[in-house]
Amino acid sequence: MNSSLQQLANLIAYELAGISAQELALHPEGKWSIGQILKHLSLTYSGTRIVFERCRQAGKPSARAATPKDRLRAFLVTRLGYLPGGQEAPAETRPKGLAPLRVISALARKIAAMDESIRACEQHFGSDVKLVNHPFLGPLTSDEWRRFHCVHGRHHLRQIRRLRRLMEAQ
């Protein structure tokens, strides 16, 4: 597995070590619970794997031409590590049908499967080719997709740490 994604999987496992079912369910009004955040991450890993598998099966990248706005957003996230807040998750990545303990046990496998799909496309089409569109960042290369997931995952790990501290204070 890509070393950055392996590090992300390790950070997630570390952050969730010893988490209780009660902690997974609690959340402030109008905010996602830790369990919902984890389900969201799981859905993003599965979704990325699926679009990369479709790209490989189609025999060609599905990315469109990047706009200046796409390039700016991608630069902010994948080069500077800045994930702007206030963006609503795409519908297909919003948590539903939650079984948080099963989600936790599957996260590392989902990250590895996603990386394998990215790697297969990268080997077939090249590492500097915009392969697949991201819903907000536009067309990204394989490495940009990995960087996005690292930035996105760390963003949600910060949320999880805040929620756990909030619960400890109560």
N, C-alpha and C. Protein backbone atom coordinates (compact mmCIF):
# COMPACT_ATOMS: atom_id res chain seq x y z
N MET A 1 0.85 -1.18 0.00
CA MET A 1 0.00 0.00 0.00
C MET A 1 0.89 1.24 0.00
N ASN A 2 0.43 2.29 -0.63
CA ASN A 2 1.12 3.57 -0.64
C ASN A 2 1.43 3.98 0.81
N SER A 3 2.63 4.47 1.06
CA SER A 3 3.06 4.77 2.43
C SER A 3 2.20 5.83 3.11
N SER A 4 1.75 6.84 2.38
CA SER A 4 0.89 7.87 2.98
C SER A 4 -0.46 7.30 3.37
N LEU A 5 -1.01 6.45 2.52
CA LEU A 5 -2.30 5.83 2.85
C LEU A 5 -2.14 4.82 3.98
N GLN A 6 -1.00 4.13 4.05
CA GLN A 6 -0.74 3.22 5.17
C GLN A 6 -0.66 4.01 6.47
N GLN A 7 0.00 5.15 6.41
CA GLN A 7 0.09 6.01 7.60
C GLN A 7 -1.29 6.48 8.01
N LEU A 8 -2.14 6.84 7.05
CA LEU A 8 -3.51 7.24 7.37
C LEU A 8 -4.26 6.10 8.04
N ALA A 9 -4.17 4.89 7.50
CA ALA A 9 -4.84 3.73 8.10
C ALA A 9 -4.34 3.52 9.53
N ASN A 10 -3.04 3.68 9.75
CA ASN A 10 -2.48 3.53 11.10
C ASN A 10 -3.00 4.61 12.05
N LEU A 11 -3.08 5.85 11.56
CA LEU A 11 -3.61 6.94 12.39
C LEU A 11 -5.07 6.70 12.78
N ILE A 12 -5.85 6.23 11.83
CA ILE A 12 -7.25 5.93 12.11
C ILE A 12 -7.35 4.84 13.18
N ALA A 13 -6.58 3.77 13.01
CA ALA A 13 -6.60 2.67 13.98
C ALA A 13 -6.18 3.16 15.36
N TYR A 14 -5.14 3.99 15.41
CA TYR A 14 -4.67 4.54 16.68
C TYR A 14 -5.75 5.39 17.35
N GLU A 15 -6.37 6.25 16.56
CA GLU A 15 -7.38 7.17 17.09
C GLU A 15 -8.61 6.43 17.61
N LEU A 16 -8.91 5.28 17.03
CA LEU A 16 -10.13 4.55 17.40
C LEU A 16 -9.88 3.45 18.41
N ALA A 17 -8.63 3.24 18.79
CA ALA A 17 -8.32 2.19 19.76
C ALA A 17 -9.10 2.42 21.05
N GLY A 18 -9.84 1.42 21.47
CA GLY A 18 -10.57 1.49 22.73
C GLY A 18 -11.84 2.32 22.70
N ILE A 19 -12.28 2.73 21.52
CA ILE A 19 -13.49 3.55 21.44
C ILE A 19 -14.71 2.69 21.79
N SER A 20 -15.64 3.27 22.51
CA SER A 20 -16.84 2.54 22.93
C SER A 20 -18.00 2.79 21.98
N ALA A 21 -18.97 1.91 22.04
CA ALA A 21 -20.18 2.07 21.23
C ALA A 21 -20.87 3.38 21.58
N GLN A 22 -20.83 3.76 22.85
CA GLN A 22 -21.44 5.02 23.28
C GLN A 22 -20.73 6.21 22.63
N GLU A 23 -19.41 6.18 22.59
CA GLU A 23 -18.66 7.26 21.96
C GLU A 23 -18.97 7.35 20.46
N LEU A 24 -19.15 6.21 19.82
CA LEU A 24 -19.45 6.20 18.39
C LEU A 24 -20.78 6.87 18.08
N ALA A 25 -21.71 6.83 19.02
CA ALA A 25 -23.06 7.32 18.76
C ALA A 25 -23.30 8.77 19.16
N LEU A 26 -22.58 9.28 20.12
CA LEU A 26 -22.86 10.63 20.63
C LEU A 26 -22.37 11.70 19.65
N HIS A 27 -23.13 12.78 19.60
CA HIS A 27 -22.75 13.91 18.75
C HIS A 27 -23.51 15.15 19.16
N PRO A 28 -22.93 16.32 18.91
CA PRO A 28 -23.65 17.58 19.15
C PRO A 28 -24.81 17.71 18.16
N GLU A 29 -25.78 18.48 18.55
CA GLU A 29 -26.95 18.72 17.69
C GLU A 29 -26.53 19.21 16.31
N GLY A 30 -27.04 18.55 15.28
CA GLY A 30 -26.78 18.97 13.91
C GLY A 30 -25.43 18.54 13.35
N LYS A 31 -24.66 17.79 14.12
CA LYS A 31 -23.34 17.33 13.67
C LYS A 31 -23.34 15.80 13.58
N TRP A 32 -22.43 15.28 12.77
CA TRP A 32 -22.28 13.83 12.67
C TRP A 32 -21.64 13.25 13.92
N SER A 33 -22.02 12.03 14.23
CA SER A 33 -21.37 11.28 15.30
C SER A 33 -20.04 10.73 14.77
N ILE A 34 -19.24 10.19 15.67
CA ILE A 34 -17.99 9.56 15.25
C ILE A 34 -18.31 8.40 14.30
N GLY A 35 -19.32 7.62 14.64
CA GLY A 35 -19.72 6.52 13.78
C GLY A 35 -20.12 6.98 12.39
N GLN A 36 -20.82 8.09 12.32
CA GLN A 36 -21.21 8.63 11.01
C GLN A 36 -20.01 9.14 10.23
N ILE A 37 -19.07 9.76 10.92
CA ILE A 37 -17.84 10.22 10.25
C ILE A 37 -17.10 9.02 9.66
N LEU A 38 -17.02 7.94 10.44
CA LEU A 38 -16.33 6.74 9.96
C LEU A 38 -17.05 6.12 8.76
N LYS A 39 -18.36 6.11 8.80
CA LYS A 39 -19.13 5.59 7.67
C LYS A 39 -18.88 6.46 6.43
N HIS A 40 -18.85 7.77 6.62
CA HIS A 40 -18.55 8.69 5.52
C HIS A 40 -17.19 8.37 4.92
N LEU A 41 -16.16 8.20 5.75
CA LEU A 41 -14.84 7.86 5.24
C LEU A 41 -14.88 6.54 4.47
N SER A 42 -15.55 5.56 5.03
CA SER A 42 -15.68 4.27 4.37
C SER A 42 -16.32 4.41 2.99
N LEU A 43 -17.37 5.20 2.92
CA LEU A 43 -18.05 5.41 1.64
C LEU A 43 -17.15 6.13 0.63
N THR A 44 -16.31 7.06 1.11
CA THR A 44 -15.41 7.75 0.17
C THR A 44 -14.35 6.78 -0.37
N TYR A 45 -13.86 5.87 0.48
CA TYR A 45 -12.87 4.91 0.02
C TYR A 45 -13.49 3.94 -0.99
N SER A 46 -14.70 3.47 -0.69
CA SER A 46 -15.38 2.56 -1.62
C SER A 46 -15.71 3.26 -2.93
N GLY A 47 -16.19 4.49 -2.84
CA GLY A 47 -16.54 5.25 -4.04
C GLY A 47 -15.34 5.49 -4.94
N THR A 48 -14.22 5.83 -4.34
CA THR A 48 -13.00 6.06 -5.12
C THR A 48 -12.56 4.75 -5.79
N ARG A 49 -12.61 3.66 -5.05
CA ARG A 49 -12.25 2.36 -5.63
C ARG A 49 -13.12 2.06 -6.84
N ILE A 50 -14.41 2.30 -6.72
CA ILE A 50 -15.36 2.00 -7.81
C ILE A 50 -15.07 2.84 -9.05
N VAL A 51 -14.85 4.15 -8.87
CA VAL A 51 -14.62 4.99 -10.06
C VAL A 51 -13.29 4.65 -10.73
N PHE A 52 -12.30 4.25 -9.96
CA PHE A 52 -11.03 3.85 -10.57
C PHE A 52 -11.16 2.51 -11.27
N GLU A 53 -11.94 1.60 -10.71
CA GLU A 53 -12.16 0.32 -11.40
C GLU A 53 -12.91 0.55 -12.72
N ARG A 54 -13.89 1.45 -12.70
CA ARG A 54 -14.61 1.77 -13.94
C ARG A 54 -13.68 2.38 -14.98
N CYS A 55 -12.80 3.25 -14.54
CA CYS A 55 -11.83 3.88 -15.44
C CYS A 55 -10.95 2.82 -16.09
N ARG A 56 -10.44 1.91 -15.28
CA ARG A 56 -9.58 0.85 -15.81
C ARG A 56 -10.34 -0.05 -16.78
N GLN A 57 -11.56 -0.41 -16.41
CA GLN A 57 -12.37 -1.28 -17.28
C GLN A 57 -12.73 -0.60 -18.59
N ALA A 58 -12.93 0.72 -18.55
CA ALA A 58 -13.27 1.47 -19.76
C ALA A 58 -12.06 1.59 -20.70
N GLY A 59 -10.89 1.40 -20.14
CA GLY A 59 -9.69 1.47 -20.97
C GLY A 59 -9.24 2.88 -21.26
N LYS A 60 -9.80 3.86 -20.55
CA LYS A 60 -9.38 5.24 -20.75
C LYS A 60 -9.77 6.07 -19.52
N PRO A 61 -9.02 7.13 -19.24
CA PRO A 61 -9.38 8.02 -18.13
C PRO A 61 -10.75 8.66 -18.36
N SER A 62 -11.46 8.90 -17.28
CA SER A 62 -12.78 9.53 -17.39
C SER A 62 -12.73 11.01 -17.03
N ALA A 63 -11.54 11.52 -16.74
CA ALA A 63 -11.41 12.92 -16.32
C ALA A 63 -11.68 13.88 -17.48
N ARG A 64 -12.34 14.95 -17.15
CA ARG A 64 -12.57 16.03 -18.12
C ARG A 64 -11.39 17.00 -18.03
N ALA A 65 -11.41 18.02 -18.84
CA ALA A 65 -10.37 19.06 -18.78
C ALA A 65 -10.55 19.88 -17.50
N ALA A 66 -9.46 20.20 -16.84
CA ALA A 66 -9.50 20.98 -15.61
C ALA A 66 -9.76 22.45 -15.91
N THR A 67 -10.59 23.07 -15.09
CA THR A 67 -10.83 24.51 -15.18
C THR A 67 -9.85 25.21 -14.24
N PRO A 68 -9.68 26.53 -14.36
CA PRO A 68 -8.83 27.24 -13.40
C PRO A 68 -9.31 27.05 -11.95
N LYS A 69 -10.61 27.01 -11.74
CA LYS A 69 -11.16 26.79 -10.40
C LYS A 69 -10.78 25.39 -9.89
N ASP A 70 -10.86 24.38 -10.76
CA ASP A 70 -10.43 23.03 -10.40
C ASP A 70 -8.98 23.02 -9.97
N ARG A 71 -8.12 23.67 -10.77
CA ARG A 71 -6.68 23.66 -10.48
C ARG A 71 -6.39 24.34 -9.14
N LEU A 72 -7.10 25.43 -8.85
CA LEU A 72 -6.90 26.12 -7.57
C LEU A 72 -7.34 25.24 -6.41
N ARG A 73 -8.52 24.68 -6.50
CA ARG A 73 -9.02 23.81 -5.42
C ARG A 73 -8.10 22.62 -5.21
N ALA A 74 -7.70 21.97 -6.30
CA ALA A 74 -6.81 20.81 -6.19
C ALA A 74 -5.48 21.21 -5.56
N PHE A 75 -4.94 22.36 -5.94
CA PHE A 75 -3.68 22.84 -5.37
C PHE A 75 -3.82 23.07 -3.87
N LEU A 76 -4.90 23.73 -3.44
CA LEU A 76 -5.11 24.01 -2.02
C LEU A 76 -5.15 22.71 -1.20
N VAL A 77 -5.84 21.72 -1.72
CA VAL A 77 -6.01 20.48 -0.97
C VAL A 77 -4.80 19.56 -1.11
N THR A 78 -4.39 19.28 -2.34
CA THR A 78 -3.37 18.24 -2.53
C THR A 78 -1.94 18.74 -2.37
N ARG A 79 -1.72 20.02 -2.49
CA ARG A 79 -0.35 20.56 -2.32
C ARG A 79 -0.17 21.27 -0.99
N LEU A 80 -1.18 22.04 -0.57
CA LEU A 80 -1.06 22.80 0.67
C LEU A 80 -1.70 22.08 1.86
N GLY A 81 -2.49 21.06 1.60
CA GLY A 81 -3.14 20.32 2.68
C GLY A 81 -4.28 21.06 3.33
N TYR A 82 -4.83 22.04 2.64
CA TYR A 82 -5.93 22.85 3.18
C TYR A 82 -7.26 22.34 2.64
N LEU A 83 -8.13 21.91 3.54
CA LEU A 83 -9.46 21.45 3.16
C LEU A 83 -10.47 22.49 3.64
N PRO A 84 -11.01 23.29 2.72
CA PRO A 84 -11.96 24.32 3.13
C PRO A 84 -13.18 23.72 3.82
N GLY A 85 -13.62 24.36 4.86
CA GLY A 85 -14.80 23.89 5.59
C GLY A 85 -16.08 24.33 4.90
N GLY A 86 -17.18 23.83 5.43
CA GLY A 86 -18.48 24.26 4.96
C GLY A 86 -18.98 23.57 3.71
N GLN A 87 -18.20 22.65 3.18
CA GLN A 87 -18.61 21.93 1.96
C GLN A 87 -19.44 20.73 2.38
N GLU A 88 -20.64 20.60 1.85
CA GLU A 88 -21.48 19.46 2.18
C GLU A 88 -21.01 18.24 1.40
N ALA A 89 -20.98 17.11 2.08
CA ALA A 89 -20.53 15.87 1.44
C ALA A 89 -21.49 15.48 0.32
N PRO A 90 -20.95 14.93 -0.77
CA PRO A 90 -21.83 14.44 -1.84
C PRO A 90 -22.81 13.39 -1.28
N ALA A 91 -23.99 13.32 -1.84
CA ALA A 91 -25.05 12.44 -1.33
C ALA A 91 -24.58 11.00 -1.17
N GLU A 92 -23.79 10.52 -2.13
CA GLU A 92 -23.37 9.12 -2.07
C GLU A 92 -22.36 8.83 -0.97
N THR A 93 -21.85 9.88 -0.31
CA THR A 93 -20.90 9.67 0.79
C THR A 93 -21.47 10.07 2.14
N ARG A 94 -22.77 10.36 2.18
CA ARG A 94 -23.40 10.69 3.46
C ARG A 94 -23.77 9.39 4.18
N PRO A 95 -23.47 9.34 5.48
CA PRO A 95 -23.66 8.09 6.21
C PRO A 95 -25.13 7.67 6.31
N LYS A 96 -25.34 6.38 6.07
CA LYS A 96 -26.66 5.77 6.24
C LYS A 96 -26.44 4.29 6.51
N GLY A 97 -27.42 3.62 7.08
CA GLY A 97 -27.28 2.20 7.36
C GLY A 97 -26.07 1.90 8.22
N LEU A 98 -25.95 2.62 9.31
CA LEU A 98 -24.74 2.60 10.12
C LEU A 98 -24.59 1.34 10.97
N ALA A 99 -23.44 0.71 10.88
CA ALA A 99 -23.00 -0.37 11.77
C ALA A 99 -21.55 -0.04 12.12
N PRO A 100 -21.35 0.94 13.04
CA PRO A 100 -20.02 1.53 13.24
C PRO A 100 -18.92 0.55 13.59
N LEU A 101 -19.20 -0.47 14.38
CA LEU A 101 -18.12 -1.39 14.74
C LEU A 101 -17.65 -2.19 13.53
N ARG A 102 -18.57 -2.54 12.63
CA ARG A 102 -18.17 -3.22 11.39
C ARG A 102 -17.41 -2.27 10.47
N VAL A 103 -17.81 -1.00 10.47
CA VAL A 103 -17.13 0.00 9.65
C VAL A 103 -15.68 0.13 10.11
N ILE A 104 -15.46 0.20 11.41
CA ILE A 104 -14.10 0.34 11.95
C ILE A 104 -13.22 -0.82 11.50
N SER A 105 -13.74 -2.03 11.62
CA SER A 105 -12.92 -3.19 11.29
C SER A 105 -12.61 -3.27 9.79
N ALA A 106 -13.39 -2.61 8.96
CA ALA A 106 -13.19 -2.68 7.50
C ALA A 106 -12.40 -1.51 6.93
N LEU A 107 -12.15 -0.46 7.70
CA LEU A 107 -11.53 0.75 7.14
C LEU A 107 -10.17 0.49 6.50
N ALA A 108 -9.30 -0.20 7.19
CA ALA A 108 -7.95 -0.45 6.63
C ALA A 108 -8.04 -1.25 5.34
N ARG A 109 -8.93 -2.24 5.30
CA ARG A 109 -9.10 -3.03 4.07
C ARG A 109 -9.65 -2.17 2.94
N LYS A 110 -10.56 -1.25 3.26
CA LYS A 110 -11.13 -0.39 2.22
C LYS A 110 -10.07 0.57 1.67
N ILE A 111 -9.21 1.08 2.54
CA ILE A 111 -8.13 1.95 2.09
C ILE A 111 -7.19 1.16 1.18
N ALA A 112 -6.85 -0.05 1.56
CA ALA A 112 -5.95 -0.88 0.75
C ALA A 112 -6.58 -1.21 -0.60
N ALA A 113 -7.86 -1.55 -0.61
CA ALA A 113 -8.55 -1.87 -1.87
C ALA A 113 -8.62 -0.65 -2.78
N MET A 114 -8.88 0.51 -2.18
CA MET A 114 -8.91 1.75 -2.95
C MET A 114 -7.54 2.00 -3.57
N ASP A 115 -6.50 1.87 -2.77
CA ASP A 115 -5.15 2.12 -3.28
C ASP A 115 -4.79 1.15 -4.40
N GLU A 116 -5.22 -0.09 -4.29
CA GLU A 116 -4.94 -1.07 -5.34
C GLU A 116 -5.62 -0.65 -6.66
N SER A 117 -6.85 -0.15 -6.58
CA SER A 117 -7.55 0.32 -7.79
C SER A 117 -6.86 1.53 -8.38
N ILE A 118 -6.42 2.44 -7.52
CA ILE A 118 -5.69 3.62 -7.99
C ILE A 118 -4.39 3.17 -8.67
N ARG A 119 -3.67 2.26 -8.03
CA ARG A 119 -2.40 1.78 -8.55
C ARG A 119 -2.58 1.09 -9.91
N ALA A 120 -3.65 0.32 -10.07
CA ALA A 120 -3.88 -0.38 -11.35
C ALA A 120 -4.08 0.63 -12.47
N CYS A 121 -4.85 1.69 -12.22
CA CYS A 121 -5.03 2.73 -13.24
C CYS A 121 -3.73 3.47 -13.50
N GLU A 122 -3.03 3.77 -12.46
CA GLU A 122 -1.77 4.49 -12.58
C GLU A 122 -0.78 3.69 -13.44
N GLN A 123 -0.71 2.40 -13.22
CA GLN A 123 0.21 1.57 -14.01
C GLN A 123 -0.23 1.49 -15.48
N HIS A 124 -1.52 1.51 -15.69
CA HIS A 124 -2.04 1.39 -17.06
C HIS A 124 -1.94 2.70 -17.84
N PHE A 125 -2.25 3.82 -17.19
CA PHE A 125 -2.35 5.11 -17.89
C PHE A 125 -1.20 6.07 -17.60
N GLY A 126 -0.46 5.84 -16.53
CA GLY A 126 0.63 6.75 -16.16
C GLY A 126 0.32 7.54 -14.91
N SER A 127 1.37 7.99 -14.25
CA SER A 127 1.20 8.69 -12.98
C SER A 127 0.92 10.18 -13.14
N ASP A 128 1.18 10.74 -14.32
CA ASP A 128 0.97 12.17 -14.49
C ASP A 128 -0.31 12.49 -15.28
N VAL A 129 -1.17 11.50 -15.46
CA VAL A 129 -2.41 11.69 -16.21
C VAL A 129 -3.57 11.94 -15.25
N LYS A 130 -4.38 12.94 -15.57
CA LYS A 130 -5.60 13.18 -14.80
C LYS A 130 -6.54 12.02 -15.14
N LEU A 131 -6.87 11.21 -14.15
CA LEU A 131 -7.56 9.96 -14.40
C LEU A 131 -9.07 10.04 -14.19
N VAL A 132 -9.46 10.57 -13.05
CA VAL A 132 -10.86 10.54 -12.64
C VAL A 132 -11.20 11.88 -11.99
N ASN A 133 -12.43 12.33 -12.15
CA ASN A 133 -12.88 13.59 -11.55
C ASN A 133 -13.27 13.39 -10.09
N HIS A 134 -12.86 14.35 -9.28
CA HIS A 134 -13.34 14.44 -7.90
C HIS A 134 -14.55 15.37 -7.92
N PRO A 135 -15.56 15.13 -7.08
CA PRO A 135 -16.78 15.96 -7.15
C PRO A 135 -16.55 17.46 -6.93
N PHE A 136 -15.54 17.83 -6.14
CA PHE A 136 -15.29 19.26 -5.86
C PHE A 136 -13.96 19.76 -6.40
N LEU A 137 -12.99 18.86 -6.55
CA LEU A 137 -11.66 19.28 -6.96
C LEU A 137 -11.42 19.12 -8.46
N GLY A 138 -12.34 18.45 -9.13
CA GLY A 138 -12.18 18.24 -10.57
C GLY A 138 -11.24 17.08 -10.86
N PRO A 139 -10.65 17.07 -12.05
CA PRO A 139 -9.79 15.96 -12.46
C PRO A 139 -8.50 15.90 -11.64
N LEU A 140 -8.16 14.68 -11.19
CA LEU A 140 -6.96 14.49 -10.38
C LEU A 140 -6.14 13.32 -10.91
N THR A 141 -4.84 13.39 -10.67
CA THR A 141 -3.96 12.26 -10.95
C THR A 141 -4.08 11.25 -9.81
N SER A 142 -3.45 10.12 -9.98
CA SER A 142 -3.47 9.09 -8.93
C SER A 142 -2.87 9.62 -7.64
N ASP A 143 -1.74 10.30 -7.73
CA ASP A 143 -1.10 10.83 -6.53
C ASP A 143 -1.95 11.91 -5.88
N GLU A 144 -2.60 12.74 -6.67
CA GLU A 144 -3.48 13.76 -6.11
C GLU A 144 -4.66 13.12 -5.38
N TRP A 145 -5.18 12.03 -5.91
CA TRP A 145 -6.27 11.32 -5.22
C TRP A 145 -5.79 10.80 -3.87
N ARG A 146 -4.59 10.23 -3.83
CA ARG A 146 -4.06 9.74 -2.55
C ARG A 146 -3.88 10.89 -1.57
N ARG A 147 -3.33 12.00 -2.05
CA ARG A 147 -3.13 13.16 -1.17
C ARG A 147 -4.47 13.70 -0.67
N PHE A 148 -5.48 13.75 -1.57
CA PHE A 148 -6.81 14.18 -1.13
C PHE A 148 -7.27 13.31 0.03
N HIS A 149 -7.19 12.00 -0.12
CA HIS A 149 -7.69 11.11 0.94
C HIS A 149 -6.92 11.28 2.24
N CYS A 150 -5.64 11.56 2.17
CA CYS A 150 -4.86 11.80 3.38
C CYS A 150 -5.31 13.09 4.07
N VAL A 151 -5.47 14.15 3.30
CA VAL A 151 -5.93 15.43 3.87
C VAL A 151 -7.35 15.28 4.41
N HIS A 152 -8.22 14.67 3.66
CA HIS A 152 -9.61 14.46 4.05
C HIS A 152 -9.69 13.60 5.31
N GLY A 153 -8.92 12.51 5.34
CA GLY A 153 -8.93 11.64 6.51
C GLY A 153 -8.44 12.35 7.76
N ARG A 154 -7.36 13.12 7.63
CA ARG A 154 -6.84 13.86 8.79
C ARG A 154 -7.85 14.93 9.26
N HIS A 155 -8.54 15.54 8.33
CA HIS A 155 -9.59 16.50 8.67
C HIS A 155 -10.63 15.83 9.58
N HIS A 156 -11.07 14.65 9.19
CA HIS A 156 -12.08 13.96 9.98
C HIS A 156 -11.51 13.38 11.28
N LEU A 157 -10.23 13.03 11.29
CA LEU A 157 -9.62 12.59 12.55
C LEU A 157 -9.58 13.73 13.56
N ARG A 158 -9.35 14.96 13.10
CA ARG A 158 -9.40 16.11 14.02
C ARG A 158 -10.82 16.26 14.59
N GLN A 159 -11.84 16.07 13.75
CA GLN A 159 -13.21 16.13 14.24
C GLN A 159 -13.46 15.05 15.29
N ILE A 160 -12.97 13.86 15.04
CA ILE A 160 -13.15 12.75 15.98
C ILE A 160 -12.47 13.07 17.31
N ARG A 161 -11.25 13.61 17.27
CA ARG A 161 -10.55 13.98 18.51
C ARG A 161 -11.35 15.02 19.28
N ARG A 162 -11.89 16.01 18.56
CA ARG A 162 -12.69 17.04 19.24
C ARG A 162 -13.93 16.45 19.88
N LEU A 163 -14.60 15.55 19.18
CA LEU A 163 -15.80 14.91 19.74
C LEU A 163 -15.46 14.08 20.97
N ARG A 164 -14.35 13.37 20.93
CA ARG A 164 -13.95 12.57 22.09
C ARG A 164 -13.61 13.45 23.28
N ARG A 165 -12.93 14.56 23.04
CA ARG A 165 -12.61 15.49 24.14
C ARG A 165 -13.89 16.10 24.72
N LEU A 166 -14.82 16.42 23.85
CA LEU A 166 -16.10 16.97 24.28
C LEU A 166 -16.84 15.99 25.19
N MET A 167 -16.82 14.71 24.80
CA MET A 167 -17.49 13.69 25.59
C MET A 167 -16.78 13.46 26.92
N GLU A 168 -15.46 13.54 26.94
CA GLU A 168 -14.70 13.36 28.16
C GLU A 168 -14.99 14.48 29.16
N ALA A 169 -15.25 15.68 28.63
CA ALA A 169 -15.50 16.83 29.47
C ALA A 169 -16.89 16.79 30.11
N GLN A 170 -17.77 15.98 29.57
CA GLN A 170 -19.15 15.92 30.11
C GLN A 170 -19.26 15.03 31.31
